[in-house]
Amino acid sequence: MQEKPYYVYLITNKANTVLYTGVTNNLIRRVFKHKEKLISSFTSKYNVNKLVYYEIFSEINLAIEREKQIKSGSRRKKLDLISKVNPTFRDLYDEVVK
């Protein structure tokens, strides 16, 4: 049986001024929903739809634990985390879809 992947992700708006951290078992579907504003929430209100960071986990409890860890961190820590792997804050969605 193949393990199901779980993702912790960070998305932002066009100006990189708003950050949102989430967890999902289908990153492509979730980011698509953010992009199309199919999720009526904070992200649609603030146009947060650019995937700038994600991590993959094999167990949901590890993903949730990591999401909480990231959420509890400061904005600076989140920006540093993103900058280590995506210094230009490019949208990673197209790479994930491929």
C-alpha atoms as a PDB file:
ATOM      1  CA  MET A   1       0.000   0.000   0.000  1.00  0.00           C
ATOM      2  CA  GLN A   2       1.352   3.380  -1.019  1.00  0.00           C
ATOM      3  CA  GLU A   3       1.544   6.016   1.684  1.00  0.00           C
ATOM      4  CA  LYS A   4      -0.496   9.136   1.144  1.00  0.00           C
ATOM      5  CA  PRO A   5       1.553  12.343   1.227  1.00  0.00           C
ATOM      6  CA  TYR A   6       0.577  15.292   3.385  1.00  0.00           C
ATOM      7  CA  TYR A   7       1.768  18.827   2.797  1.00  0.00           C
ATOM      8  CA  VAL A   8       2.405  21.856   4.940  1.00  0.00           C
ATOM      9  CA  TYR A   9       2.457  24.934   2.757  1.00  0.00           C
ATOM     10  CA  LEU A  10       2.850  28.685   2.843  1.00  0.00           C
ATOM     11  CA  ILE A  11       1.092  30.950   0.402  1.00  0.00           C
ATOM     12  CA  THR A  12       1.217  34.700   0.032  1.00  0.00           C
ATOM     13  CA  ASN A  13      -0.278  37.502  -2.013  1.00  0.00           C
ATOM     14  CA  LYS A  14       1.257  39.189  -5.072  1.00  0.00           C
ATOM     15  CA  ALA A  15       3.127  41.751  -2.944  1.00  0.00           C
ATOM     16  CA  ASN A  16       4.329  39.095  -0.451  1.00  0.00           C
ATOM     17  CA  THR A  17       2.823  41.056   2.425  1.00  0.00           C
ATOM     18  CA  VAL A  18       0.371  38.444   3.751  1.00  0.00           C
ATOM     19  CA  LEU A  19       1.343  34.897   4.741  1.00  0.00           C
ATOM     20  CA  TYR A  20      -0.928  31.905   5.261  1.00  0.00           C
ATOM     21  CA  THR A  21       0.134  28.476   6.528  1.00  0.00           C
ATOM     22  CA  GLY A  22      -1.958  25.399   5.828  1.00  0.00           C
ATOM     23  CA  VAL A  23      -1.941  21.603   5.723  1.00  0.00           C
ATOM     24  CA  THR A  24      -3.494  19.336   3.095  1.00  0.00           C
ATOM     25  CA  ASN A  25      -3.330  15.892   1.551  1.00  0.00           C
ATOM     26  CA  ASN A  26      -3.618  17.298  -1.984  1.00  0.00           C
ATOM     27  CA  LEU A  27      -1.423  20.326  -2.559  1.00  0.00           C
ATOM     28  CA  ILE A  28      -2.396  20.884  -6.191  1.00  0.00           C
ATOM     29  CA  ARG A  29      -6.130  20.852  -5.429  1.00  0.00           C
ATOM     30  CA  ARG A  30      -5.776  23.084  -2.357  1.00  0.00           C
ATOM     31  CA  VAL A  31      -3.642  25.729  -4.051  1.00  0.00           C
ATOM     32  CA  PHE A  32      -5.984  25.684  -7.061  1.00  0.00           C
ATOM     33  CA  LYS A  33      -8.874  26.389  -4.707  1.00  0.00           C
ATOM     34  CA  HIS A  34      -6.945  29.307  -3.195  1.00  0.00           C
ATOM     35  CA  LYS A  35      -6.108  30.670  -6.656  1.00  0.00           C
ATOM     36  CA  GLU A  36      -9.714  30.435  -7.834  1.00  0.00           C
ATOM     37  CA  LYS A  37     -11.062  31.781  -4.515  1.00  0.00           C
ATOM     38  CA  LEU A  38     -13.143  28.649  -4.042  1.00  0.00           C
ATOM     39  CA  ILE A  39     -12.277  28.717  -0.353  1.00  0.00           C
ATOM     40  CA  SER A  40     -14.263  31.507   1.281  1.00  0.00           C
ATOM     41  CA  SER A  41     -11.859  32.624   3.949  1.00  0.00           C
ATOM     42  CA  PHE A  42      -8.913  34.766   4.923  1.00  0.00           C
ATOM     43  CA  THR A  43      -7.036  33.754   1.761  1.00  0.00           C
ATOM     44  CA  SER A  44      -9.762  34.859  -0.623  1.00  0.00           C
ATOM     45  CA  LYS A  45     -10.305  38.116   1.275  1.00  0.00           C
ATOM     46  CA  TYR A  46      -6.605  39.054   1.047  1.00  0.00           C
ATOM     47  CA  ASN A  47      -5.865  37.527  -2.398  1.00  0.00           C
ATOM     48  CA  VAL A  48      -3.441  35.020  -0.914  1.00  0.00           C
ATOM     49  CA  ASN A  49      -2.849  32.529  -3.715  1.00  0.00           C
ATOM     50  CA  LYS A  50       0.879  32.267  -4.507  1.00  0.00           C
ATOM     51  CA  LEU A  51       2.521  29.044  -3.302  1.00  0.00           C
ATOM     52  CA  VAL A  52       5.982  29.959  -2.018  1.00  0.00           C
ATOM     53  CA  TYR A  53       6.915  27.043   0.251  1.00  0.00           C
ATOM     54  CA  TYR A  54       5.894  23.495   1.075  1.00  0.00           C
ATOM     55  CA  GLU A  55       7.076  20.407   2.929  1.00  0.00           C
ATOM     56  CA  ILE A  56       5.985  16.802   2.396  1.00  0.00           C
ATOM     57  CA  PHE A  57       5.134  14.341   5.174  1.00  0.00           C
ATOM     58  CA  SER A  58       4.096  10.703   5.204  1.00  0.00           C
ATOM     59  CA  GLU A  59       1.991  11.010   8.354  1.00  0.00           C
ATOM     60  CA  ILE A  60      -0.790  13.515   9.005  1.00  0.00           C
ATOM     61  CA  ASN A  61       0.112  13.955  12.668  1.00  0.00           C
ATOM     62  CA  LEU A  62       3.652  15.035  11.692  1.00  0.00           C
ATOM     63  CA  ALA A  63       2.266  17.476   9.128  1.00  0.00           C
ATOM     64  CA  ILE A  64      -0.153  18.995  11.654  1.00  0.00           C
ATOM     65  CA  GLU A  65       2.611  19.289  14.232  1.00  0.00           C
ATOM     66  CA  ARG A  66       4.829  21.084  11.708  1.00  0.00           C
ATOM     67  CA  GLU A  67       1.976  23.385  10.649  1.00  0.00           C
ATOM     68  CA  LYS A  68       1.464  24.403  14.282  1.00  0.00           C
ATOM     69  CA  GLN A  69       5.198  24.967  14.699  1.00  0.00           C
ATOM     70  CA  ILE A  70       5.341  27.237  11.650  1.00  0.00           C
ATOM     71  CA  LYS A  71       2.153  29.102  12.615  1.00  0.00           C
ATOM     72  CA  SER A  72       3.476  29.790  16.097  1.00  0.00           C
ATOM     73  CA  GLY A  73       6.687  31.268  14.720  1.00  0.00           C
ATOM     74  CA  SER A  74       7.231  34.917  13.998  1.00  0.00           C
ATOM     75  CA  ARG A  75       6.764  36.472  10.590  1.00  0.00           C
ATOM     76  CA  ARG A  76      10.557  36.786  10.366  1.00  0.00           C
ATOM     77  CA  LYS A  77      10.965  33.022  10.910  1.00  0.00           C
ATOM     78  CA  LYS A  78       8.434  32.292   8.164  1.00  0.00           C
ATOM     79  CA  LEU A  79      10.177  34.666   5.755  1.00  0.00           C
ATOM     80  CA  ASP A  80      13.542  33.080   6.573  1.00  0.00           C
ATOM     81  CA  LEU A  81      12.100  29.611   5.984  1.00  0.00           C
ATOM     82  CA  ILE A  82      10.776  30.624   2.572  1.00  0.00           C
ATOM     83  CA  SER A  83      13.950  32.506   1.620  1.00  0.00           C
ATOM     84  CA  LYS A  84      16.140  29.438   2.201  1.00  0.00           C
ATOM     85  CA  VAL A  85      14.454  27.479  -0.603  1.00  0.00           C
ATOM     86  CA  ASN A  86      12.710  30.197  -2.610  1.00  0.00           C
ATOM     87  CA  PRO A  87      14.632  33.487  -2.233  1.00  0.00           C
ATOM     88  CA  THR A  88      12.707  35.230  -5.028  1.00  0.00           C
ATOM     89  CA  PHE A  89       9.286  34.159  -3.684  1.00  0.00           C
ATOM     90  CA  ARG A  90       8.335  32.768  -7.092  1.00  0.00           C
ATOM     91  CA  ASP A  91       5.047  30.903  -7.372  1.00  0.00           C
ATOM     92  CA  LEU A  92       5.849  27.183  -7.084  1.00  0.00           C
ATOM     93  CA  TYR A  93       2.414  26.036  -8.248  1.00  0.00           C
ATOM     94  CA  ASP A  94       3.384  25.406 -11.882  1.00  0.00           C
ATOM     95  CA  GLU A  95       6.355  23.291 -10.750  1.00  0.00           C
ATOM     96  CA  VAL A  96       4.135  21.231  -8.447  1.00  0.00           C
ATOM     97  CA  VAL A  97       1.541  20.655 -11.189  1.00  0.00           C
ATOM     98  CA  LYS A  98       4.157  19.244 -13.611  1.00  0.00           C
END
